[in-house]
Amino acid sequence: MENLLNQFKALSKEEKLAFMKDAMPYMVEIFSNDPPKMIAEMMPFCMNMMKSKGMEVERMRSMMKAMMG
């Protein structure tokens, strides 16, 4: 896992974005297999990550609402 993370870190911003776009269908597949389990496991991780970067949950919700129309 550490090797993969180091490879990802070495990518440019554009390459990282392209990778995330390519990986997204696989992540959705994993989440769709057991949504309650994935939410229970991922929400605390996401919340901590957002807080560590200074992003508030309400701001994220607003941004998502704006993107969705």
PDB file of N, CA and C in Angstrom:
ATOM      1  N   MET A   1       0.823  -1.185   0.000  1.00  0.00           N
ATOM      2  CA  MET A   1       0.000   0.000   0.000  1.00  0.00           C
ATOM      3  C   MET A   1       0.875   1.259   0.000  1.00  0.00           C
ATOM      4  N   GLU A   2       1.942   1.213   0.803  1.00  0.00           N
ATOM      5  CA  GLU A   2       2.838   2.367   0.888  1.00  0.00           C
ATOM      6  C   GLU A   2       3.461   2.689  -0.475  1.00  0.00           C
ATOM      7  N   ASN A   3       3.817   1.654  -1.213  1.00  0.00           N
ATOM      8  CA  ASN A   3       4.387   1.841  -2.544  1.00  0.00           C
ATOM      9  C   ASN A   3       3.390   2.537  -3.474  1.00  0.00           C
ATOM     10  N   LEU A   4       2.142   2.101  -3.437  1.00  0.00           N
ATOM     11  CA  LEU A   4       1.109   2.735  -4.269  1.00  0.00           C
ATOM     12  C   LEU A   4       0.907   4.197  -3.886  1.00  0.00           C
ATOM     13  N   LEU A   5       0.884   4.472  -2.596  1.00  0.00           N
ATOM     14  CA  LEU A   5       0.719   5.849  -2.146  1.00  0.00           C
ATOM     15  C   LEU A   5       1.890   6.723  -2.587  1.00  0.00           C
ATOM     16  N   ASN A   6       3.090   6.195  -2.514  1.00  0.00           N
ATOM     17  CA  ASN A   6       4.256   6.956  -2.954  1.00  0.00           C
ATOM     18  C   ASN A   6       4.212   7.228  -4.459  1.00  0.00           C
ATOM     19  N   GLN A   7       3.739   6.254  -5.220  1.00  0.00           N
ATOM     20  CA  GLN A   7       3.592   6.465  -6.667  1.00  0.00           C
ATOM     21  C   GLN A   7       2.553   7.548  -6.948  1.00  0.00           C
ATOM     22  N   PHE A   8       1.457   7.513  -6.208  1.00  0.00           N
ATOM     23  CA  PHE A   8       0.411   8.524  -6.383  1.00  0.00           C
ATOM     24  C   PHE A   8       0.939   9.909  -6.034  1.00  0.00           C
ATOM     25  N   LYS A   9       1.664  10.015  -4.923  1.00  0.00           N
ATOM     26  CA  LYS A   9       2.216  11.299  -4.499  1.00  0.00           C
ATOM     27  C   LYS A   9       3.159  11.889  -5.540  1.00  0.00           C
ATOM     28  N   ALA A  10       3.825  11.034  -6.296  1.00  0.00           N
ATOM     29  CA  ALA A  10       4.795  11.489  -7.290  1.00  0.00           C
ATOM     30  C   ALA A  10       4.133  12.034  -8.560  1.00  0.00           C
ATOM     31  N   LEU A  11       2.838  11.796  -8.730  1.00  0.00           N
ATOM     32  CA  LEU A  11       2.138  12.266  -9.925  1.00  0.00           C
ATOM     33  C   LEU A  11       1.928  13.776  -9.871  1.00  0.00           C
ATOM     34  N   SER A  12       1.743  14.365 -11.038  1.00  0.00           N
ATOM     35  CA  SER A  12       1.384  15.781 -11.106  1.00  0.00           C
ATOM     36  C   SER A  12      -0.084  15.922 -10.694  1.00  0.00           C
ATOM     37  N   LYS A  13      -0.524  17.138 -10.481  1.00  0.00           N
ATOM     38  CA  LYS A  13      -1.937  17.362 -10.104  1.00  0.00           C
ATOM     39  C   LYS A  13      -2.872  16.831 -11.187  1.00  0.00           C
ATOM     40  N   GLU A  14      -2.521  17.068 -12.443  1.00  0.00           N
ATOM     41  CA  GLU A  14      -3.360  16.596 -13.552  1.00  0.00           C
ATOM     42  C   GLU A  14      -3.407  15.070 -13.591  1.00  0.00           C
ATOM     43  N   GLU A  15      -2.253  14.435 -13.360  1.00  0.00           N
ATOM     44  CA  GLU A  15      -2.199  12.975 -13.350  1.00  0.00           C
ATOM     45  C   GLU A  15      -2.989  12.402 -12.172  1.00  0.00           C
ATOM     46  N   LYS A  16      -2.912  13.062 -11.020  1.00  0.00           N
ATOM     47  CA  LYS A  16      -3.685  12.615  -9.856  1.00  0.00           C
ATOM     48  C   LYS A  16      -5.171  12.683 -10.146  1.00  0.00           C
ATOM     49  N   LEU A  17      -5.604  13.765 -10.764  1.00  0.00           N
ATOM     50  CA  LEU A  17      -7.024  13.911 -11.102  1.00  0.00           C
ATOM     51  C   LEU A  17      -7.455  12.836 -12.096  1.00  0.00           C
ATOM     52  N   ALA A  18      -6.634  12.585 -13.113  1.00  0.00           N
ATOM     53  CA  ALA A  18      -6.952  11.544 -14.094  1.00  0.00           C
ATOM     54  C   ALA A  18      -7.045  10.179 -13.422  1.00  0.00           C
ATOM     55  N   PHE A  19      -6.119   9.904 -12.506  1.00  0.00           N
ATOM     56  CA  PHE A  19      -6.145   8.634 -11.788  1.00  0.00           C
ATOM     57  C   PHE A  19      -7.428   8.503 -10.977  1.00  0.00           C
ATOM     58  N   MET A  20      -7.789   9.572 -10.260  1.00  0.00           N
ATOM     59  CA  MET A  20      -9.003   9.515  -9.432  1.00  0.00           C
ATOM     60  C   MET A  20     -10.239   9.280 -10.291  1.00  0.00           C
ATOM     61  N   LYS A  21     -10.295   9.902 -11.458  1.00  0.00           N
ATOM     62  CA  LYS A  21     -11.426   9.680 -12.366  1.00  0.00           C
ATOM     63  C   LYS A  21     -11.478   8.226 -12.824  1.00  0.00           C
ATOM     64  N   ASP A  22     -10.315   7.661 -13.129  1.00  0.00           N
ATOM     65  CA  ASP A  22     -10.272   6.260 -13.566  1.00  0.00           C
ATOM     66  C   ASP A  22     -10.606   5.297 -12.434  1.00  0.00           C
ATOM     67  N   ALA A  23     -10.232   5.645 -11.206  1.00  0.00           N
ATOM     68  CA  ALA A  23     -10.460   4.764 -10.052  1.00  0.00           C
ATOM     69  C   ALA A  23     -11.881   4.867  -9.509  1.00  0.00           C
ATOM     70  N   MET A  24     -12.562   5.964  -9.773  1.00  0.00           N
ATOM     71  CA  MET A  24     -13.891   6.210  -9.198  1.00  0.00           C
ATOM     72  C   MET A  24     -14.889   5.080  -9.460  1.00  0.00           C
ATOM     73  N   PRO A  25     -14.993   4.528 -10.665  1.00  0.00           N
ATOM     74  CA  PRO A  25     -15.960   3.430 -10.864  1.00  0.00           C
ATOM     75  C   PRO A  25     -15.710   2.234  -9.954  1.00  0.00           C
ATOM     76  N   TYR A  26     -14.453   1.949  -9.668  1.00  0.00           N
ATOM     77  CA  TYR A  26     -14.127   0.830  -8.782  1.00  0.00           C
ATOM     78  C   TYR A  26     -14.528   1.140  -7.340  1.00  0.00           C
ATOM     79  N   MET A  27     -14.356   2.394  -6.950  1.00  0.00           N
ATOM     80  CA  MET A  27     -14.757   2.786  -5.598  1.00  0.00           C
ATOM     81  C   MET A  27     -16.277   2.734  -5.459  1.00  0.00           C
ATOM     82  N   VAL A  28     -16.985   3.179  -6.479  1.00  0.00           N
ATOM     83  CA  VAL A  28     -18.450   3.128  -6.447  1.00  0.00           C
ATOM     84  C   VAL A  28     -18.923   1.685  -6.349  1.00  0.00           C
ATOM     85  N   GLU A  29     -18.271   0.798  -7.068  1.00  0.00           N
ATOM     86  CA  GLU A  29     -18.635  -0.622  -7.013  1.00  0.00           C
ATOM     87  C   GLU A  29     -18.479  -1.169  -5.599  1.00  0.00           C
ATOM     88  N   ILE A  30     -17.376  -0.835  -4.941  1.00  0.00           N
ATOM     89  CA  ILE A  30     -17.143  -1.297  -3.570  1.00  0.00           C
ATOM     90  C   ILE A  30     -18.201  -0.725  -2.631  1.00  0.00           C
ATOM     91  N   PHE A  31     -18.490   0.575  -2.760  1.00  0.00           N
ATOM     92  CA  PHE A  31     -19.497   1.204  -1.912  1.00  0.00           C
ATOM     93  C   PHE A  31     -20.876   0.604  -2.145  1.00  0.00           C
ATOM     94  N   SER A  32     -21.211   0.291  -3.392  1.00  0.00           N
ATOM     95  CA  SER A  32     -22.554  -0.207  -3.694  1.00  0.00           C
ATOM     96  C   SER A  32     -22.790  -1.624  -3.187  1.00  0.00           C
ATOM     97  N   ASN A  33     -21.728  -2.374  -2.908  1.00  0.00           N
ATOM     98  CA  ASN A  33     -21.891  -3.739  -2.400  1.00  0.00           C
ATOM     99  C   ASN A  33     -22.473  -3.767  -0.993  1.00  0.00           C
ATOM    100  N   ASP A  34     -22.149  -2.781  -0.163  1.00  0.00           N
ATOM    101  CA  ASP A  34     -22.652  -2.724   1.214  1.00  0.00           C
ATOM    102  C   ASP A  34     -22.631  -1.267   1.691  1.00  0.00           C
ATOM    103  N   PRO A  35     -23.578  -0.446   1.195  1.00  0.00           N
ATOM    104  CA  PRO A  35     -23.559   0.983   1.522  1.00  0.00           C
ATOM    105  C   PRO A  35     -23.542   1.299   3.018  1.00  0.00           C
ATOM    106  N   PRO A  36     -24.372   0.648   3.853  1.00  0.00           N
ATOM    107  CA  PRO A  36     -24.331   0.996   5.280  1.00  0.00           C
ATOM    108  C   PRO A  36     -22.959   0.754   5.913  1.00  0.00           C
ATOM    109  N   LYS A  37     -22.332  -0.354   5.547  1.00  0.00           N
ATOM    110  CA  LYS A  37     -21.003  -0.658   6.091  1.00  0.00           C
ATOM    111  C   LYS A  37     -19.986   0.382   5.635  1.00  0.00           C
ATOM    112  N   MET A  38     -20.029   0.729   4.370  1.00  0.00           N
ATOM    113  CA  MET A  38     -19.069   1.688   3.841  1.00  0.00           C
ATOM    114  C   MET A  38     -19.269   3.072   4.457  1.00  0.00           C
ATOM    115  N   ILE A  39     -20.503   3.471   4.643  1.00  0.00           N
ATOM    116  CA  ILE A  39     -20.771   4.765   5.279  1.00  0.00           C
ATOM    117  C   ILE A  39     -20.250   4.746   6.714  1.00  0.00           C
ATOM    118  N   ALA A  40     -20.522   3.664   7.427  1.00  0.00           N
ATOM    119  CA  ALA A  40     -20.066   3.558   8.815  1.00  0.00           C
ATOM    120  C   ALA A  40     -18.539   3.601   8.908  1.00  0.00           C
ATOM    121  N   GLU A  41     -17.856   2.990   7.949  1.00  0.00           N
ATOM    122  CA  GLU A  41     -16.394   2.969   7.970  1.00  0.00           C
ATOM    123  C   GLU A  41     -15.780   4.258   7.436  1.00  0.00           C
ATOM    124  N   MET A  42     -16.380   4.828   6.415  1.00  0.00           N
ATOM    125  CA  MET A  42     -15.752   5.950   5.731  1.00  0.00           C
ATOM    126  C   MET A  42     -16.122   7.324   6.293  1.00  0.00           C
ATOM    127  N   MET A  43     -17.316   7.470   6.830  1.00  0.00           N
ATOM    128  CA  MET A  43     -17.730   8.804   7.304  1.00  0.00           C
ATOM    129  C   MET A  43     -16.809   9.354   8.387  1.00  0.00           C
ATOM    130  N   PRO A  44     -16.468   8.589   9.410  1.00  0.00           N
ATOM    131  CA  PRO A  44     -15.542   9.144  10.413  1.00  0.00           C
ATOM    132  C   PRO A  44     -14.194   9.531   9.800  1.00  0.00           C
ATOM    133  N   PHE A  45     -13.699   8.712   8.895  1.00  0.00           N
ATOM    134  CA  PHE A  45     -12.436   9.004   8.221  1.00  0.00           C
ATOM    135  C   PHE A  45     -12.551  10.295   7.405  1.00  0.00           C
ATOM    136  N   CYS A  46     -13.629  10.430   6.646  1.00  0.00           N
ATOM    137  CA  CYS A  46     -13.832  11.629   5.819  1.00  0.00           C
ATOM    138  C   CYS A  46     -13.989  12.881   6.683  1.00  0.00           C
ATOM    139  N   MET A  47     -14.737  12.755   7.767  1.00  0.00           N
ATOM    140  CA  MET A  47     -14.957  13.897   8.653  1.00  0.00           C
ATOM    141  C   MET A  47     -13.635  14.366   9.257  1.00  0.00           C
ATOM    142  N   ASN A  48     -12.818  13.438   9.725  1.00  0.00           N
ATOM    143  CA  ASN A  48     -11.517  13.786  10.296  1.00  0.00           C
ATOM    144  C   ASN A  48     -10.604  14.414   9.250  1.00  0.00           C
ATOM    145  N   MET A  49     -10.634  13.871   8.054  1.00  0.00           N
ATOM    146  CA  MET A  49      -9.809  14.403   6.978  1.00  0.00           C
ATOM    147  C   MET A  49     -10.234  15.831   6.638  1.00  0.00           C
ATOM    148  N   MET A  50     -11.521  16.062   6.542  1.00  0.00           N
ATOM    149  CA  MET A  50     -12.022  17.396   6.229  1.00  0.00           C
ATOM    150  C   MET A  50     -11.639  18.388   7.326  1.00  0.00           C
ATOM    151  N   LYS A  51     -11.809  17.999   8.569  1.00  0.00           N
ATOM    152  CA  LYS A  51     -11.459  18.885   9.684  1.00  0.00           C
ATOM    153  C   LYS A  51      -9.973  19.205   9.672  1.00  0.00           C
ATOM    154  N   SER A  52      -9.143  18.216   9.372  1.00  0.00           N
ATOM    155  CA  SER A  52      -7.693  18.443   9.371  1.00  0.00           C
ATOM    156  C   SER A  52      -7.273  19.405   8.268  1.00  0.00           C
ATOM    157  N   LYS A  53      -8.092  19.536   7.229  1.00  0.00           N
ATOM    158  CA  LYS A  53      -7.797  20.446   6.126  1.00  0.00           C
ATOM    159  C   LYS A  53      -8.559  21.765   6.258  1.00  0.00           C
ATOM    160  N   GLY A  54      -9.269  21.929   7.385  1.00  0.00           N
ATOM    161  CA  GLY A  54      -9.985  23.173   7.635  1.00  0.00           C
ATOM    162  C   GLY A  54     -11.295  23.310   6.881  1.00  0.00           C
ATOM    163  N   MET A  55     -11.840  22.209   6.389  1.00  0.00           N
ATOM    164  CA  MET A  55     -13.101  22.263   5.656  1.00  0.00           C
ATOM    165  C   MET A  55     -14.241  21.857   6.583  1.00  0.00           C
ATOM    166  N   GLU A  56     -15.249  22.681   6.639  1.00  0.00           N
ATOM    167  CA  GLU A  56     -16.403  22.406   7.484  1.00  0.00           C
ATOM    168  C   GLU A  56     -17.424  21.575   6.715  1.00  0.00           C
ATOM    169  N   VAL A  57     -18.145  20.729   7.425  1.00  0.00           N
ATOM    170  CA  VAL A  57     -19.138  19.840   6.816  1.00  0.00           C
ATOM    171  C   VAL A  57     -20.208  20.655   6.101  1.00  0.00           C
ATOM    172  N   GLU A  58     -20.664  21.715   6.720  1.00  0.00           N
ATOM    173  CA  GLU A  58     -21.723  22.520   6.108  1.00  0.00           C
ATOM    174  C   GLU A  58     -21.251  23.156   4.803  1.00  0.00           C
ATOM    175  N   ARG A  59     -20.004  23.572   4.772  1.00  0.00           N
ATOM    176  CA  ARG A  59     -19.448  24.140   3.538  1.00  0.00           C
ATOM    177  C   ARG A  59     -19.415  23.087   2.436  1.00  0.00           C
ATOM    178  N   MET A  60     -19.040  21.870   2.796  1.00  0.00           N
ATOM    179  CA  MET A  60     -19.010  20.776   1.823  1.00  0.00           C
ATOM    180  C   MET A  60     -20.408  20.487   1.294  1.00  0.00           C
ATOM    181  N   ARG A  61     -21.384  20.461   2.168  1.00  0.00           N
ATOM    182  CA  ARG A  61     -22.770  20.237   1.731  1.00  0.00           C
ATOM    183  C   ARG A  61     -23.212  21.325   0.764  1.00  0.00           C
ATOM    184  N   SER A  62     -22.891  22.559   1.077  1.00  0.00           N
ATOM    185  CA  SER A  62     -23.259  23.675   0.204  1.00  0.00           C
ATOM    186  C   SER A  62     -22.611  23.551  -1.162  1.00  0.00           C
ATOM    187  N   MET A  63     -21.351  23.170  -1.166  1.00  0.00           N
ATOM    188  CA  MET A  63     -20.646  22.999  -2.434  1.00  0.00           C
ATOM    189  C   MET A  63     -21.279  21.873  -3.260  1.00  0.00           C
ATOM    190  N   MET A  64     -21.633  20.782  -2.603  1.00  0.00           N
ATOM    191  CA  MET A  64     -22.236  19.660  -3.314  1.00  0.00           C
ATOM    192  C   MET A  64     -23.615  20.032  -3.853  1.00  0.00           C
ATOM    193  N   LYS A  65     -24.394  20.762  -3.064  1.00  0.00           N
ATOM    194  CA  LYS A  65     -25.705  21.210  -3.521  1.00  0.00           C
ATOM    195  C   LYS A  65     -25.564  22.114  -4.735  1.00  0.00           C
ATOM    196  N   ALA A  66     -24.588  23.014  -4.696  1.00  0.00           N
ATOM    197  CA  ALA A  66     -24.366  23.930  -5.808  1.00  0.00           C
ATOM    198  C   ALA A  66     -23.969  23.172  -7.069  1.00  0.00           C
ATOM    199  N   MET A  67     -23.165  22.138  -6.927  1.00  0.00           N
ATOM    200  CA  MET A  67     -22.741  21.355  -8.076  1.00  0.00           C
ATOM    201  C   MET A  67     -23.899  20.555  -8.670  1.00  0.00           C
ATOM    202  N   MET A  68     -24.797  20.095  -7.803  1.00  0.00           N
ATOM    203  CA  MET A  68     -25.899  19.247  -8.257  1.00  0.00           C
ATOM    204  C   MET A  68     -27.059  20.060  -8.817  1.00  0.00           C
ATOM    205  N   GLY A  69     -27.048  21.352  -8.585  1.00  0.00           N
ATOM    206  CA  GLY A  69     -28.087  22.209  -9.166  1.00  0.00           C
ATOM    207  C   GLY A  69     -29.245  22.470  -8.310  1.00  0.00           C
TER     208      GLY A  69
END
